[in-house]
Amino acid sequence: MHSPPSERELSNAVKTFECRRGGVVCRAKITAETEEEVLRQAVEHARRVHGVDLTQAKTLARYAQSLVRDE
């Protein structure tokens, strides 16, 4: 039986962001040690590859943040 991860395990988890989770046809998988870093990289990726500025709309920024996962 699996027990839920401890707070320590969660704090040490690598954070990931994948465009495909947001319905975008893109194979990019961004990983970083913190949510802030993965979001920074995701914002840059969205701007450079998809021509979308996630910083211009709070709704898009919140949606992108909701797509960050622990790995």
PDB file of N, CA and C in Angstrom:
ATOM      1  N   MET A   1       0.845  -1.180   0.000  1.00  0.00           N
ATOM      2  CA  MET A   1       0.000   0.000   0.000  1.00  0.00           C
ATOM      3  C   MET A   1       0.885   1.236   0.000  1.00  0.00           C
ATOM      4  N   HIS A   2       0.540   2.203  -0.827  1.00  0.00           N
ATOM      5  CA  HIS A   2       1.311   3.442  -0.948  1.00  0.00           C
ATOM      6  C   HIS A   2       0.817   4.479   0.045  1.00  0.00           C
ATOM      7  N   SER A   3       1.720   5.101   0.761  1.00  0.00           N
ATOM      8  CA  SER A   3       1.315   6.202   1.630  1.00  0.00           C
ATOM      9  C   SER A   3       1.559   7.511   0.898  1.00  0.00           C
ATOM     10  N   PRO A   4       0.819   8.562   1.246  1.00  0.00           N
ATOM     11  CA  PRO A   4       1.023   9.841   0.571  1.00  0.00           C
ATOM     12  C   PRO A   4       2.434  10.367   0.849  1.00  0.00           C
ATOM     13  N   PRO A   5       2.982  11.163  -0.078  1.00  0.00           N
ATOM     14  CA  PRO A   5       4.329  11.692   0.138  1.00  0.00           C
ATOM     15  C   PRO A   5       4.378  12.630   1.331  1.00  0.00           C
ATOM     16  N   SER A   6       5.499  12.602   2.026  1.00  0.00           N
ATOM     17  CA  SER A   6       5.673  13.492   3.169  1.00  0.00           C
ATOM     18  C   SER A   6       5.943  14.906   2.675  1.00  0.00           C
ATOM     19  N   GLU A   7       5.851  15.889   3.588  1.00  0.00           N
ATOM     20  CA  GLU A   7       6.158  17.281   3.208  1.00  0.00           C
ATOM     21  C   GLU A   7       7.583  17.394   2.705  1.00  0.00           C
ATOM     22  N   ARG A   8       8.494  16.672   3.308  1.00  0.00           N
ATOM     23  CA  ARG A   8       9.886  16.721   2.870  1.00  0.00           C
ATOM     24  C   ARG A   8      10.033  16.188   1.446  1.00  0.00           C
ATOM     25  N   GLU A   9       9.360  15.071   1.166  1.00  0.00           N
ATOM     26  CA  GLU A   9       9.412  14.515  -0.183  1.00  0.00           C
ATOM     27  C   GLU A   9       8.818  15.491  -1.195  1.00  0.00           C
ATOM     28  N   LEU A  10       7.728  16.149  -0.835  1.00  0.00           N
ATOM     29  CA  LEU A  10       7.110  17.119  -1.733  1.00  0.00           C
ATOM     30  C   LEU A  10       8.016  18.312  -1.972  1.00  0.00           C
ATOM     31  N   SER A  11       8.704  18.773  -0.937  1.00  0.00           N
ATOM     32  CA  SER A  11       9.565  19.945  -1.096  1.00  0.00           C
ATOM     33  C   SER A  11      10.802  19.613  -1.933  1.00  0.00           C
ATOM     34  N   ASN A  12      11.177  18.335  -2.003  1.00  0.00           N
ATOM     35  CA  ASN A  12      12.336  17.924  -2.790  1.00  0.00           C
ATOM     36  C   ASN A  12      11.954  17.477  -4.200  1.00  0.00           C
ATOM     37  N   ALA A  13      10.664  17.479  -4.503  1.00  0.00           N
ATOM     38  CA  ALA A  13      10.207  17.010  -5.807  1.00  0.00           C
ATOM     39  C   ALA A  13      10.612  17.998  -6.900  1.00  0.00           C
ATOM     40  N   VAL A  14      10.941  17.449  -8.045  1.00  0.00           N
ATOM     41  CA  VAL A  14      11.233  18.267  -9.215  1.00  0.00           C
ATOM     42  C   VAL A  14       9.898  18.746  -9.777  1.00  0.00           C
ATOM     43  N   LYS A  15       9.836  19.988 -10.196  1.00  0.00           N
ATOM     44  CA  LYS A  15       8.622  20.566 -10.773  1.00  0.00           C
ATOM     45  C   LYS A  15       8.682  20.438 -12.291  1.00  0.00           C
ATOM     46  N   THR A  16       7.543  20.145 -12.903  1.00  0.00           N
ATOM     47  CA  THR A  16       7.493  20.020 -14.360  1.00  0.00           C
ATOM     48  C   THR A  16       6.325  20.819 -14.928  1.00  0.00           C
ATOM     49  N   PHE A  17       6.482  21.203 -16.187  1.00  0.00           N
ATOM     50  CA  PHE A  17       5.436  21.881 -16.945  1.00  0.00           C
ATOM     51  C   PHE A  17       5.448  21.296 -18.344  1.00  0.00           C
ATOM     52  N   GLU A  18       4.273  20.886 -18.824  1.00  0.00           N
ATOM     53  CA  GLU A  18       4.159  20.345 -20.182  1.00  0.00           C
ATOM     54  C   GLU A  18       3.025  21.060 -20.902  1.00  0.00           C
ATOM     55  N   CYS A  19       3.319  21.607 -22.068  1.00  0.00           N
ATOM     56  CA  CYS A  19       2.308  22.315 -22.860  1.00  0.00           C
ATOM     57  C   CYS A  19       1.114  21.420 -23.158  1.00  0.00           C
ATOM     58  N   ARG A  20       1.370  20.148 -23.427  1.00  0.00           N
ATOM     59  CA  ARG A  20       0.294  19.239 -23.822  1.00  0.00           C
ATOM     60  C   ARG A  20      -0.785  19.124 -22.753  1.00  0.00           C
ATOM     61  N   ARG A  21      -0.424  19.327 -21.493  1.00  0.00           N
ATOM     62  CA  ARG A  21      -1.419  19.287 -20.417  1.00  0.00           C
ATOM     63  C   ARG A  21      -2.403  20.445 -20.522  1.00  0.00           C
ATOM     64  N   GLY A  22      -1.999  21.483 -21.230  1.00  0.00           N
ATOM     65  CA  GLY A  22      -2.874  22.628 -21.435  1.00  0.00           C
ATOM     66  C   GLY A  22      -3.592  22.587 -22.766  1.00  0.00           C
ATOM     67  N   GLY A  23      -3.494  21.457 -23.467  1.00  0.00           N
ATOM     68  CA  GLY A  23      -4.192  21.301 -24.730  1.00  0.00           C
ATOM     69  C   GLY A  23      -3.425  21.811 -25.933  1.00  0.00           C
ATOM     70  N   VAL A  24      -2.153  22.118 -25.749  1.00  0.00           N
ATOM     71  CA  VAL A  24      -1.320  22.612 -26.851  1.00  0.00           C
ATOM     72  C   VAL A  24      -0.569  21.428 -27.461  1.00  0.00           C
ATOM     73  N   VAL A  25      -0.539  21.364 -28.783  1.00  0.00           N
ATOM     74  CA  VAL A  25       0.198  20.303 -29.453  1.00  0.00           C
ATOM     75  C   VAL A  25       1.676  20.697 -29.411  1.00  0.00           C
ATOM     76  N   CYS A  26       2.354  20.197 -28.402  1.00  0.00           N
ATOM     77  CA  CYS A  26       3.760  20.539 -28.164  1.00  0.00           C
ATOM     78  C   CYS A  26       4.343  19.470 -27.261  1.00  0.00           C
ATOM     79  N   ARG A  27       5.538  19.031 -27.577  1.00  0.00           N
ATOM     80  CA  ARG A  27       6.182  17.967 -26.786  1.00  0.00           C
ATOM     81  C   ARG A  27       7.115  18.501 -25.709  1.00  0.00           C
ATOM     82  N   ALA A  28       7.158  19.805 -25.530  1.00  0.00           N
ATOM     83  CA  ALA A  28       8.080  20.388 -24.553  1.00  0.00           C
ATOM     84  C   ALA A  28       7.737  19.921 -23.138  1.00  0.00           C
ATOM     85  N   LYS A  29       8.779  19.579 -22.396  1.00  0.00           N
ATOM     86  CA  LYS A  29       8.642  19.257 -20.980  1.00  0.00           C
ATOM     87  C   LYS A  29       9.719  20.052 -20.256  1.00  0.00           C
ATOM     88  N   ILE A  30       9.283  20.977 -19.451  1.00  0.00           N
ATOM     89  CA  ILE A  30      10.199  21.867 -18.732  1.00  0.00           C
ATOM     90  C   ILE A  30      10.304  21.366 -17.299  1.00  0.00           C
ATOM     91  N   THR A  31      11.526  21.234 -16.809  1.00  0.00           N
ATOM     92  CA  THR A  31      11.735  20.792 -15.430  1.00  0.00           C
ATOM     93  C   THR A  31      12.640  21.774 -14.709  1.00  0.00           C
ATOM     94  N   ALA A  32      12.394  21.916 -13.421  1.00  0.00           N
ATOM     95  CA  ALA A  32      13.217  22.779 -12.574  1.00  0.00           C
ATOM     96  C   ALA A  32      12.998  22.357 -11.129  1.00  0.00           C
ATOM     97  N   GLU A  33      13.822  22.873 -10.253  1.00  0.00           N
ATOM     98  CA  GLU A  33      13.734  22.499  -8.841  1.00  0.00           C
ATOM     99  C   GLU A  33      12.655  23.258  -8.089  1.00  0.00           C
ATOM    100  N   THR A  34      12.240  24.417  -8.613  1.00  0.00           N
ATOM    101  CA  THR A  34      11.207  25.202  -7.935  1.00  0.00           C
ATOM    102  C   THR A  34      10.087  25.556  -8.909  1.00  0.00           C
ATOM    103  N   GLU A  35       8.921  25.823  -8.364  1.00  0.00           N
ATOM    104  CA  GLU A  35       7.795  26.245  -9.190  1.00  0.00           C
ATOM    105  C   GLU A  35       8.108  27.571  -9.888  1.00  0.00           C
ATOM    106  N   GLU A  36       8.759  28.475  -9.184  1.00  0.00           N
ATOM    107  CA  GLU A  36       9.098  29.771  -9.761  1.00  0.00           C
ATOM    108  C   GLU A  36       9.996  29.614 -10.985  1.00  0.00           C
ATOM    109  N   GLU A  37      10.982  28.735 -10.886  1.00  0.00           N
ATOM    110  CA  GLU A  37      11.915  28.536 -12.005  1.00  0.00           C
ATOM    111  C   GLU A  37      11.228  27.848 -13.173  1.00  0.00           C
ATOM    112  N   VAL A  38      10.411  26.848 -12.909  1.00  0.00           N
ATOM    113  CA  VAL A  38       9.725  26.170 -14.007  1.00  0.00           C
ATOM    114  C   VAL A  38       8.763  27.139 -14.696  1.00  0.00           C
ATOM    115  N   LEU A  39       8.106  27.998 -13.933  1.00  0.00           N
ATOM    116  CA  LEU A  39       7.209  28.980 -14.542  1.00  0.00           C
ATOM    117  C   LEU A  39       7.986  30.011 -15.355  1.00  0.00           C
ATOM    118  N   ARG A  40       9.137  30.436 -14.875  1.00  0.00           N
ATOM    119  CA  ARG A  40       9.954  31.386 -15.626  1.00  0.00           C
ATOM    120  C   ARG A  40      10.331  30.790 -16.983  1.00  0.00           C
ATOM    121  N   GLN A  41      10.754  29.532 -16.960  1.00  0.00           N
ATOM    122  CA  GLN A  41      11.120  28.857 -18.205  1.00  0.00           C
ATOM    123  C   GLN A  41       9.903  28.638 -19.105  1.00  0.00           C
ATOM    124  N   ALA A  42       8.745  28.337 -18.513  1.00  0.00           N
ATOM    125  CA  ALA A  42       7.525  28.124 -19.292  1.00  0.00           C
ATOM    126  C   ALA A  42       7.079  29.423 -19.965  1.00  0.00           C
ATOM    127  N   VAL A  43       7.196  30.533 -19.261  1.00  0.00           N
ATOM    128  CA  VAL A  43       6.839  31.830 -19.837  1.00  0.00           C
ATOM    129  C   VAL A  43       7.732  32.127 -21.039  1.00  0.00           C
ATOM    130  N   GLU A  44       9.016  31.887 -20.898  1.00  0.00           N
ATOM    131  CA  GLU A  44       9.960  32.122 -21.998  1.00  0.00           C
ATOM    132  C   GLU A  44       9.662  31.190 -23.172  1.00  0.00           C
ATOM    133  N   HIS A  45       9.388  29.917 -22.883  1.00  0.00           N
ATOM    134  CA  HIS A  45       9.060  28.947 -23.929  1.00  0.00           C
ATOM    135  C   HIS A  45       7.791  29.379 -24.675  1.00  0.00           C
ATOM    136  N   ALA A  46       6.756  29.747 -23.939  1.00  0.00           N
ATOM    137  CA  ALA A  46       5.490  30.154 -24.565  1.00  0.00           C
ATOM    138  C   ALA A  46       5.694  31.361 -25.479  1.00  0.00           C
ATOM    139  N   ARG A  47       6.506  32.308 -25.044  1.00  0.00           N
ATOM    140  CA  ARG A  47       6.773  33.498 -25.841  1.00  0.00           C
ATOM    141  C   ARG A  47       7.558  33.143 -27.104  1.00  0.00           C
ATOM    142  N   ARG A  48       8.641  32.394 -26.915  1.00  0.00           N
ATOM    143  CA  ARG A  48       9.557  32.098 -28.017  1.00  0.00           C
ATOM    144  C   ARG A  48       8.967  31.118 -29.025  1.00  0.00           C
ATOM    145  N   VAL A  49       8.346  30.039 -28.548  1.00  0.00           N
ATOM    146  CA  VAL A  49       7.889  28.972 -29.433  1.00  0.00           C
ATOM    147  C   VAL A  49       6.445  29.176 -29.916  1.00  0.00           C
ATOM    148  N   HIS A  50       5.578  29.653 -29.022  1.00  0.00           N
ATOM    149  CA  HIS A  50       4.157  29.741 -29.353  1.00  0.00           C
ATOM    150  C   HIS A  50       3.685  31.174 -29.612  1.00  0.00           C
ATOM    151  N   GLY A  51       4.542  32.158 -29.374  1.00  0.00           N
ATOM    152  CA  GLY A  51       4.154  33.547 -29.603  1.00  0.00           C
ATOM    153  C   GLY A  51       3.113  34.054 -28.629  1.00  0.00           C
ATOM    154  N   VAL A  52       3.087  33.481 -27.425  1.00  0.00           N
ATOM    155  CA  VAL A  52       2.114  33.856 -26.398  1.00  0.00           C
ATOM    156  C   VAL A  52       2.849  34.467 -25.216  1.00  0.00           C
ATOM    157  N   ASP A  53       2.382  35.628 -24.774  1.00  0.00           N
ATOM    158  CA  ASP A  53       2.974  36.279 -23.598  1.00  0.00           C
ATOM    159  C   ASP A  53       2.097  35.991 -22.393  1.00  0.00           C
ATOM    160  N   LEU A  54       2.489  35.006 -21.597  1.00  0.00           N
ATOM    161  CA  LEU A  54       1.706  34.590 -20.434  1.00  0.00           C
ATOM    162  C   LEU A  54       1.659  35.656 -19.347  1.00  0.00           C
ATOM    163  N   THR A  55       2.543  36.633 -19.417  1.00  0.00           N
ATOM    164  CA  THR A  55       2.574  37.672 -18.377  1.00  0.00           C
ATOM    165  C   THR A  55       1.543  38.770 -18.627  1.00  0.00           C
ATOM    166  N   GLN A  56       0.921  38.797 -19.798  1.00  0.00           N
ATOM    167  CA  GLN A  56      -0.011  39.865 -20.141  1.00  0.00           C
ATOM    168  C   GLN A  56      -1.436  39.621 -19.649  1.00  0.00           C
ATOM    169  N   ALA A  57      -1.754  38.402 -19.280  1.00  0.00           N
ATOM    170  CA  ALA A  57      -3.111  38.097 -18.822  1.00  0.00           C
ATOM    171  C   ALA A  57      -3.042  37.246 -17.556  1.00  0.00           C
ATOM    172  N   LYS A  58      -3.674  37.730 -16.491  1.00  0.00           N
ATOM    173  CA  LYS A  58      -3.644  36.994 -15.220  1.00  0.00           C
ATOM    174  C   LYS A  58      -4.295  35.619 -15.348  1.00  0.00           C
ATOM    175  N   THR A  59      -5.319  35.511 -16.184  1.00  0.00           N
ATOM    176  CA  THR A  59      -5.986  34.223 -16.362  1.00  0.00           C
ATOM    177  C   THR A  59      -5.034  33.202 -16.972  1.00  0.00           C
ATOM    178  N   LEU A  60      -4.291  33.616 -17.995  1.00  0.00           N
ATOM    179  CA  LEU A  60      -3.310  32.714 -18.611  1.00  0.00           C
ATOM    180  C   LEU A  60      -2.205  32.356 -17.624  1.00  0.00           C
ATOM    181  N   ALA A  61      -1.749  33.326 -16.861  1.00  0.00           N
ATOM    182  CA  ALA A  61      -0.686  33.069 -15.886  1.00  0.00           C
ATOM    183  C   ALA A  61      -1.148  32.069 -14.830  1.00  0.00           C
ATOM    184  N   ARG A  62      -2.368  32.216 -14.348  1.00  0.00           N
ATOM    185  CA  ARG A  62      -2.895  31.285 -13.349  1.00  0.00           C
ATOM    186  C   ARG A  62      -3.089  29.895 -13.952  1.00  0.00           C
ATOM    187  N   TYR A  63      -3.540  29.862 -15.202  1.00  0.00           N
ATOM    188  CA  TYR A  63      -3.723  28.569 -15.869  1.00  0.00           C
ATOM    189  C   TYR A  63      -2.380  27.862 -16.029  1.00  0.00           C
ATOM    190  N   ALA A  64      -1.371  28.586 -16.467  1.00  0.00           N
ATOM    191  CA  ALA A  64      -0.031  28.001 -16.610  1.00  0.00           C
ATOM    192  C   ALA A  64       0.453  27.478 -15.262  1.00  0.00           C
ATOM    193  N   GLN A  65       0.239  28.246 -14.211  1.00  0.00           N
ATOM    194  CA  GLN A  65       0.670  27.822 -12.869  1.00  0.00           C
ATOM    195  C   GLN A  65      -0.056  26.547 -12.452  1.00  0.00           C
ATOM    196  N   SER A  66      -1.310  26.400 -12.841  1.00  0.00           N
ATOM    197  CA  SER A  66      -2.078  25.203 -12.464  1.00  0.00           C
ATOM    198  C   SER A  66      -1.570  23.950 -13.164  1.00  0.00           C
ATOM    199  N   LEU A  67      -0.787  24.123 -14.238  1.00  0.00           N
ATOM    200  CA  LEU A  67      -0.263  22.987 -14.987  1.00  0.00           C
ATOM    201  C   LEU A  67       1.064  22.464 -14.448  1.00  0.00           C
ATOM    202  N   VAL A  68       1.657  23.154 -13.483  1.00  0.00           N
ATOM    203  CA  VAL A  68       2.918  22.699 -12.884  1.00  0.00           C
ATOM    204  C   VAL A  68       2.633  21.475 -12.010  1.00  0.00           C
ATOM    205  N   ARG A  69       3.443  20.467 -12.166  1.00  0.00           N
ATOM    206  CA  ARG A  69       3.292  19.212 -11.419  1.00  0.00           C
ATOM    207  C   ARG A  69       4.576  18.841 -10.700  1.00  0.00           C
ATOM    208  N   ASP A  70       4.427  18.060  -9.637  1.00  0.00           N
ATOM    209  CA  ASP A  70       5.588  17.453  -8.982  1.00  0.00           C
ATOM    210  C   ASP A  70       5.893  16.163  -9.706  1.00  0.00           C
ATOM    211  N   GLU A  71       7.182  15.900  -9.883  1.00  0.00           N
ATOM    212  CA  GLU A  71       7.565  14.655 -10.556  1.00  0.00           C
ATOM    213  C   GLU A  71       8.259  13.747  -9.576  1.00  0.00           C
TER     214      GLU A  71
END
